[in-house]
Amino acid sequence: MSESKCPVPKEQQPTNEFIELSRSIIFSWPKSKKSLLLVMIKFWLGAFIIFLVISSGSIYFKTSIFKYILLSFFSSLSIPLLISIRLYLGWNHVFKRLNSEKIEYEESGWYDGQVWIKPLGLKEKESLIASIEVKPILKNIIQIFSIFSVLGLSGILLFQYNNF
């Protein structure tokens, strides 16, 4: 964006928001599905160990070690699910701003919101960034979220309908 034509502050311009999010340590994970999956599995295993320690104090689980391990295993899925929701919300926000015809921005605070209509050339450039760069990232996040959701729901169903 040209500084002279664009009244939007530099840090609120969608292209710059995309670059900043791409450089972020946490938000750069979903750039490839493999790296996102590996990071989520690491968080899942770490959460599993923490949930094992927390659940070990329960007298109820002293009688059924299998139930104790399974419950910790499936409840630890909540951590990667929450992380993937946060990643999705951040990338989806940038995706919407890149695809939008108008940019809402604030010059100095919440009380002075302005709207700027993008010129056609900028809109096309940012739409291209959204479709080529951000859309695959959102797709990766949704696929990983779906995998963990199915695992979590299968755990809920397992505990709901089996008395072991």
Protein backbone atom coordinates (compact mmCIF):
# COMPACT_ATOMS: atom_id res chain seq x y z
CA MET A 1 0.00 0.00 0.00
CA SER A 2 1.24 3.42 -0.84
CA GLU A 3 1.73 5.57 2.24
CA SER A 4 0.45 8.69 0.49
CA LYS A 5 -2.82 7.13 -0.69
CA CYS A 6 -3.66 4.87 2.22
CA PRO A 7 -4.87 6.46 5.46
CA VAL A 8 -4.73 3.11 7.30
CA PRO A 9 -1.90 2.89 9.87
CA LYS A 10 0.87 0.57 8.74
CA GLU A 11 0.28 -2.05 11.47
CA GLN A 12 -3.44 -2.28 10.58
CA GLN A 13 -2.99 -2.84 6.86
CA PRO A 14 -4.09 -6.40 5.97
CA THR A 15 -0.91 -7.23 4.04
CA ASN A 16 1.24 -6.16 6.99
CA GLU A 17 -1.01 -8.09 9.39
CA PHE A 18 -0.46 -11.16 7.21
CA ILE A 19 3.32 -10.69 7.23
CA GLU A 20 3.35 -10.16 11.00
CA LEU A 21 1.22 -13.27 11.59
CA SER A 22 3.43 -15.30 9.23
CA ARG A 23 6.54 -14.34 11.19
CA SER A 24 4.96 -15.15 14.54
CA ILE A 25 6.35 -18.30 16.13
CA ILE A 26 2.99 -19.79 17.05
CA PHE A 27 1.02 -18.72 13.99
CA SER A 28 3.68 -20.01 11.59
CA TRP A 29 3.03 -23.63 12.66
CA PRO A 30 0.11 -24.26 10.28
CA LYS A 31 2.07 -23.30 7.16
CA SER A 32 2.56 -27.01 6.52
CA LYS A 33 0.21 -29.72 7.71
CA LYS A 34 3.06 -31.98 8.82
CA SER A 35 4.66 -29.39 11.11
CA LEU A 36 1.28 -28.43 12.58
CA LEU A 37 0.42 -32.06 13.23
CA LEU A 38 3.80 -32.69 14.91
CA VAL A 39 3.42 -29.64 17.14
CA MET A 40 -0.13 -30.60 18.09
CA ILE A 41 0.92 -34.17 18.90
CA LYS A 42 3.71 -32.80 21.14
CA PHE A 43 1.18 -30.62 22.97
CA TRP A 44 -1.18 -33.57 23.22
CA LEU A 45 1.48 -35.84 24.73
CA GLY A 46 2.57 -33.10 27.13
CA ALA A 47 -1.02 -32.51 28.18
CA PHE A 48 -1.51 -36.28 28.54
CA ILE A 49 1.33 -36.47 31.05
CA ILE A 50 -0.06 -33.51 32.99
CA PHE A 51 -3.57 -35.00 32.97
CA LEU A 52 -2.16 -38.34 34.17
CA VAL A 53 -0.55 -36.62 37.13
CA ILE A 54 -3.72 -34.68 37.94
CA SER A 55 -5.97 -37.73 37.62
CA SER A 56 -3.68 -39.92 39.71
CA GLY A 57 -5.03 -38.35 42.89
CA SER A 58 -8.53 -39.68 42.30
CA ILE A 59 -9.63 -42.60 44.46
CA TYR A 60 -12.18 -43.55 41.78
CA PHE A 61 -9.44 -44.34 39.28
CA LYS A 62 -7.45 -46.51 41.72
CA THR A 63 -9.86 -49.35 40.93
CA SER A 64 -9.62 -49.08 37.13
CA ILE A 65 -6.20 -48.19 35.75
CA PHE A 66 -7.41 -48.68 32.16
CA LYS A 67 -10.21 -46.12 32.64
CA TYR A 68 -7.75 -43.76 34.31
CA ILE A 69 -5.36 -43.86 31.35
CA LEU A 70 -8.11 -43.59 28.74
CA LEU A 71 -9.75 -40.64 30.46
CA SER A 72 -6.42 -38.81 30.67
CA PHE A 73 -5.71 -39.70 27.05
CA PHE A 74 -8.98 -38.32 25.72
CA SER A 75 -9.27 -35.32 28.04
CA SER A 76 -5.78 -34.17 27.06
CA LEU A 77 -7.16 -33.62 23.55
CA SER A 78 -8.68 -30.39 24.85
CA ILE A 79 -5.29 -28.65 24.69
CA PRO A 80 -4.63 -29.17 20.95
CA LEU A 81 -8.28 -28.37 20.25
CA LEU A 82 -7.98 -25.03 22.04
CA ILE A 83 -4.70 -24.25 20.28
CA SER A 84 -6.19 -25.04 16.87
CA ILE A 85 -9.22 -22.84 17.62
CA ARG A 86 -6.89 -19.94 18.47
CA LEU A 87 -4.85 -20.50 15.31
CA TYR A 88 -8.02 -20.61 13.22
CA LEU A 89 -9.41 -17.40 14.72
CA GLY A 90 -6.17 -15.49 14.05
CA TRP A 91 -5.75 -16.68 10.47
CA ASN A 92 -9.45 -16.31 9.68
CA HIS A 93 -9.36 -12.67 10.84
CA VAL A 94 -6.48 -11.92 8.46
CA PHE A 95 -8.23 -13.86 5.66
CA LYS A 96 -11.39 -11.78 6.04
CA ARG A 97 -9.44 -8.51 6.10
CA LEU A 98 -7.49 -9.49 2.99
CA ASN A 99 -10.69 -10.40 1.11
CA SER A 100 -12.69 -7.41 2.31
CA GLU A 101 -13.41 -4.48 0.01
CA LYS A 102 -13.27 -2.12 2.98
CA ILE A 103 -10.72 -1.81 5.75
CA GLU A 104 -11.90 -0.76 9.17
CA TYR A 105 -9.13 0.92 11.11
CA GLU A 106 -8.47 3.18 14.08
CA GLU A 107 -6.04 6.02 14.01
CA SER A 108 -5.52 6.54 17.71
CA GLY A 109 -8.07 4.51 19.72
CA TRP A 110 -11.34 2.61 19.81
CA TYR A 111 -13.45 5.76 19.56
CA ASP A 112 -12.32 6.98 16.14
CA GLY A 113 -13.06 4.01 13.87
CA GLN A 114 -12.75 4.77 10.17
CA VAL A 115 -13.49 2.83 6.99
CA TRP A 116 -11.34 2.96 3.88
CA ILE A 117 -12.37 1.41 0.58
CA LYS A 118 -9.52 -0.42 -1.12
CA PRO A 119 -8.60 0.50 -4.69
CA LEU A 120 -9.18 -2.28 -7.23
CA GLY A 121 -5.48 -3.10 -7.70
CA LEU A 122 -4.89 -3.50 -3.98
CA LYS A 123 -8.04 -5.56 -3.58
CA GLU A 124 -6.90 -7.96 -6.31
CA LYS A 125 -3.40 -8.24 -4.80
CA GLU A 126 -4.74 -8.96 -1.31
CA SER A 127 -7.35 -11.41 -2.63
CA LEU A 128 -4.54 -13.28 -4.33
CA ILE A 129 -2.57 -13.40 -1.07
CA ALA A 130 -5.68 -14.65 0.73
CA SER A 131 -6.40 -17.40 -1.76
CA ILE A 132 -2.83 -18.60 -2.33
CA GLU A 133 -1.26 -18.13 1.10
CA VAL A 134 -3.95 -18.00 3.78
CA LYS A 135 -6.61 -20.38 2.45
CA PRO A 136 -4.29 -23.45 2.54
CA ILE A 137 -3.29 -22.53 6.10
CA LEU A 138 -6.95 -22.39 7.12
CA LYS A 139 -7.52 -25.72 5.39
CA ASN A 140 -4.63 -27.30 7.36
CA ILE A 141 -5.97 -25.97 10.65
CA ILE A 142 -9.48 -27.24 9.90
CA GLN A 143 -8.17 -30.70 8.96
CA ILE A 144 -6.09 -30.99 12.12
CA PHE A 145 -8.98 -29.69 14.22
CA SER A 146 -11.24 -32.29 12.61
CA ILE A 147 -8.84 -35.11 13.43
CA PHE A 148 -8.60 -34.12 17.08
CA SER A 149 -12.36 -33.51 17.28
CA VAL A 150 -13.12 -36.99 15.95
CA LEU A 151 -10.68 -38.50 18.45
CA GLY A 152 -12.26 -36.50 21.27
CA LEU A 153 -15.80 -37.41 20.26
CA SER A 154 -14.86 -41.07 19.96
CA GLY A 155 -13.51 -40.89 23.51
CA ILE A 156 -16.74 -39.33 24.74
CA LEU A 157 -18.77 -42.04 23.01
CA LEU A 158 -16.50 -44.73 24.39
CA PHE A 159 -17.07 -43.54 27.95
CA GLN A 160 -20.77 -42.90 27.40
CA TYR A 161 -21.74 -46.31 26.08
CA ASN A 162 -19.23 -48.72 27.64
CA ASN A 163 -19.08 -49.83 31.24
CA PHE A 164 -15.61 -51.20 31.72
